[in-house]
Amino acid sequence: MEFFCYHRDRPGSLALREELLEDHWSYMDRYARELIARGPTFAADGETPTGSVHIVDLPDPAAARAFAFDEPNYQAGVYQDVLLRRWRNTLGRTMWDFPGGPADGDRYLVLGLGSGPAADLDVPSDRGDDLIAYGPLVSDDDATWLGTAALLRAPDRDAARAVLTADRYAGIEIHDWEPGGRR
């Protein structure tokens, strides 16, 4: 089962985040084979971290909750909240398989939270070359559509937002994102 996990940073937690960097990476190293995508999100300045995205393939919702809430930054209070949802990997690959290369174009997390009839279930055919990860957010029993999450390369925030059908979501968040892991 694939899960989308977005830890949002608590305001003023940057020093603690930096202090725990090795603990965070060591924790994630334990999940290296299960990770589909990972990386920090940033404020508009492109420098200040605002959260961490982890898309992971785990056996069940209990394992996903343990992954999300045992994470050292969460345990220490770096994060103010966690969005954890089942996710379907419609691209069938990891971020390491993305053919676009690490340096060409800006990268974004686009997160659309919705309810009602499902939207954007299929991979947008006109954006396939720019998609790093893409899929619907669903309930733990896979029966209810809850939104869509995408990691993609785009020239700007407006182009990134356009990957989702705007009027089908209660809200769409756009976050600057970069692929994560040890440097």
Protein backbone atom coordinates (compact mmCIF):
# COMPACT_ATOMS: atom_id res chain seq x y z
CA MET A 1 0.00 0.00 0.00
CA GLU A 2 1.32 3.41 -0.92
CA PHE A 3 0.98 6.38 1.40
CA PHE A 4 1.48 10.12 1.03
CA CYS A 5 2.88 11.78 4.16
CA TYR A 6 3.36 15.54 4.49
CA HIS A 7 4.86 16.80 7.74
CA ARG A 8 4.32 20.57 8.04
CA ASP A 9 6.94 22.48 10.02
CA ARG A 10 6.05 24.31 13.19
CA PRO A 11 6.89 28.04 12.90
CA GLY A 12 10.22 28.77 14.55
CA SER A 13 11.45 25.16 14.43
CA LEU A 14 14.27 25.63 11.89
CA ALA A 15 17.12 25.37 14.42
CA LEU A 16 15.70 22.15 15.86
CA ARG A 17 15.17 20.78 12.33
CA GLU A 18 18.81 21.47 11.48
CA GLU A 19 19.99 19.92 14.75
CA LEU A 20 18.07 16.71 13.96
CA LEU A 21 19.08 16.42 10.30
CA GLU A 22 21.28 13.35 10.75
CA ASP A 23 18.64 11.67 12.94
CA HIS A 24 16.04 12.33 10.23
CA TRP A 25 18.24 10.94 7.46
CA SER A 26 19.20 7.90 9.52
CA TYR A 27 15.51 7.21 10.15
CA MET A 28 14.72 7.54 6.44
CA ASP A 29 17.66 5.27 5.56
CA ARG A 30 15.70 2.47 7.25
CA TYR A 31 12.96 2.97 4.64
CA ALA A 32 15.18 3.41 1.56
CA ARG A 33 13.61 0.48 -0.32
CA GLU A 34 10.05 1.60 0.50
CA LEU A 35 10.40 5.27 -0.50
CA ILE A 36 8.76 6.36 -3.73
CA ALA A 37 9.60 10.06 -3.29
CA ARG A 38 10.88 12.36 -0.59
CA GLY A 39 12.06 15.89 -0.05
CA PRO A 40 11.54 19.19 1.71
CA THR A 41 9.13 21.97 0.82
CA PHE A 42 10.18 25.61 1.09
CA ALA A 43 8.76 29.07 1.70
CA ALA A 44 8.62 31.59 -1.16
CA ASP A 45 12.21 32.61 -0.39
CA GLY A 46 13.31 29.17 -1.62
CA GLU A 47 15.50 28.75 1.47
CA THR A 48 13.32 28.28 4.53
CA PRO A 49 11.98 24.72 4.96
CA THR A 50 8.22 24.49 5.54
CA GLY A 51 7.73 20.72 5.58
CA SER A 52 8.77 17.28 4.40
CA VAL A 53 7.09 15.05 1.82
CA HIS A 54 7.48 11.29 1.99
CA ILE A 55 5.67 8.90 -0.32
CA VAL A 56 6.22 5.39 0.91
CA ASP A 57 5.08 1.84 0.16
CA LEU A 58 4.24 0.07 3.42
CA PRO A 59 2.21 -3.03 4.35
CA ASP A 60 -0.79 -1.31 5.96
CA PRO A 61 -2.16 1.88 7.56
CA ALA A 62 -0.70 0.96 10.98
CA ALA A 63 2.80 0.77 9.48
CA ALA A 64 2.23 4.12 7.76
CA ARG A 65 1.16 5.75 11.03
CA ALA A 66 4.25 4.34 12.77
CA PHE A 67 6.41 5.71 9.92
CA ALA A 68 4.86 9.18 10.19
CA PHE A 69 4.69 9.55 13.96
CA ASP A 70 7.92 7.80 14.99
CA GLU A 71 9.94 10.12 12.74
CA PRO A 72 12.53 12.01 14.88
CA ASN A 73 11.47 15.51 13.79
CA TYR A 74 7.86 14.72 14.64
CA GLN A 75 8.85 13.25 18.01
CA ALA A 76 10.94 16.35 18.84
CA GLY A 77 8.24 18.87 17.88
CA VAL A 78 9.62 20.19 14.58
CA TYR A 79 6.30 19.52 12.86
CA GLN A 80 2.99 21.16 13.71
CA ASP A 81 0.86 18.60 11.89
CA VAL A 82 0.92 15.59 9.59
CA LEU A 83 -1.22 14.82 6.56
CA LEU A 84 -1.18 11.05 6.04
CA ARG A 85 -3.31 9.44 3.30
CA ARG A 86 -3.26 6.35 1.17
CA TRP A 87 -2.03 7.20 -2.28
CA ARG A 88 -2.02 5.45 -5.64
CA ASN A 89 1.19 5.61 -7.66
CA THR A 90 -0.35 6.13 -11.09
CA LEU A 91 3.09 6.60 -12.70
CA GLY A 92 4.33 3.29 -11.31
CA ARG A 93 7.81 4.63 -10.58
CA THR A 94 9.90 6.40 -7.96
CA MET A 95 11.34 9.90 -8.10
CA TRP A 96 14.72 8.32 -8.87
CA ASP A 97 13.24 6.98 -12.11
CA PHE A 98 12.12 10.46 -13.25
CA PRO A 99 13.79 11.06 -16.62
CA GLY A 100 13.86 14.85 -16.27
CA GLY A 101 17.18 15.12 -14.46
CA PRO A 102 17.92 16.86 -11.19
CA ALA A 103 18.63 20.41 -12.36
CA ASP A 104 16.26 21.39 -15.15
CA GLY A 105 13.24 23.44 -14.06
CA ASP A 106 11.63 24.31 -10.75
CA ARG A 107 9.87 21.59 -8.77
CA TYR A 108 6.63 21.74 -6.81
CA LEU A 109 4.33 19.80 -4.55
CA VAL A 110 0.74 20.32 -5.70
CA LEU A 111 -1.76 19.11 -3.14
CA GLY A 112 -5.48 19.21 -3.85
CA LEU A 113 -7.87 18.22 -1.07
CA GLY A 114 -11.35 17.37 -2.22
CA SER A 115 -14.56 15.54 -1.55
CA GLY A 116 -17.37 14.26 -3.67
CA PRO A 117 -16.86 12.67 -7.08
CA ALA A 118 -13.26 11.80 -7.85
CA ALA A 119 -11.22 14.06 -10.12
CA ASP A 120 -7.86 13.83 -11.85
CA LEU A 121 -7.53 10.06 -11.43
CA ASP A 122 -5.67 9.60 -14.70
CA VAL A 123 -2.19 10.90 -15.43
CA PRO A 124 -2.53 14.16 -17.39
CA SER A 125 -1.35 13.23 -20.89
CA ASP A 126 -0.01 16.71 -21.60
CA ARG A 127 2.17 16.78 -18.44
CA GLY A 128 3.69 13.29 -18.45
CA ASP A 129 7.25 14.51 -19.07
CA ASP A 130 7.06 16.85 -16.07
CA LEU A 131 5.49 14.53 -13.51
CA ILE A 132 7.80 13.12 -10.86
CA ALA A 133 5.04 11.51 -8.76
CA TYR A 134 1.28 11.66 -9.27
CA GLY A 135 -1.77 9.99 -7.81
CA PRO A 136 -5.03 10.22 -5.95
CA LEU A 137 -5.29 10.43 -2.17
CA VAL A 138 -7.79 7.87 -0.91
CA SER A 139 -9.27 6.58 2.33
CA ASP A 140 -7.53 3.72 4.15
CA ASP A 141 -10.02 1.24 2.63
CA ASP A 142 -9.35 2.68 -0.87
CA ALA A 143 -13.08 3.39 -1.30
CA THR A 144 -13.23 7.19 -1.03
CA TRP A 145 -11.33 9.76 -3.07
CA LEU A 146 -9.90 12.52 -0.84
CA GLY A 147 -7.80 14.51 -3.28
CA THR A 148 -4.70 14.35 -5.46
CA ALA A 149 -0.99 14.83 -4.77
CA ALA A 150 1.64 15.53 -7.40
CA LEU A 151 5.33 16.30 -7.48
CA LEU A 152 6.28 17.93 -10.74
CA ARG A 153 8.62 20.12 -12.70
CA ALA A 154 7.06 23.37 -13.93
CA PRO A 155 8.19 26.83 -15.03
CA ASP A 156 6.21 28.53 -12.25
CA ARG A 157 3.52 28.08 -9.59
CA ASP A 158 0.63 28.80 -11.97
CA ALA A 159 1.80 26.12 -14.39
CA ALA A 160 2.21 23.71 -11.46
CA ARG A 161 -1.33 24.45 -10.21
CA ALA A 162 -2.74 23.74 -13.67
CA VAL A 163 -1.97 20.02 -13.26
CA LEU A 164 -5.21 19.75 -11.22
CA THR A 165 -8.76 20.66 -12.19
CA ALA A 166 -9.23 23.78 -10.05
CA ASP A 167 -12.99 23.66 -9.45
CA ARG A 168 -12.93 20.05 -8.19
CA TYR A 169 -11.04 20.76 -4.95
CA ALA A 170 -11.85 22.53 -1.71
CA GLY A 171 -8.36 23.98 -1.96
CA ILE A 172 -5.12 23.52 -3.84
CA GLU A 173 -1.77 24.11 -2.16
CA ILE A 174 1.41 24.77 -4.11
CA HIS A 175 4.75 24.34 -2.35
CA ASP A 176 8.28 24.74 -3.67
CA TRP A 177 9.83 21.27 -3.39
CA GLU A 178 13.13 19.60 -4.04
CA PRO A 179 14.11 15.94 -4.13
CA GLY A 180 15.46 14.91 -0.75
CA GLY A 181 17.93 12.53 0.74
CA ARG A 182 21.52 12.59 1.82
CA ARG A 183 23.70 15.08 0.05
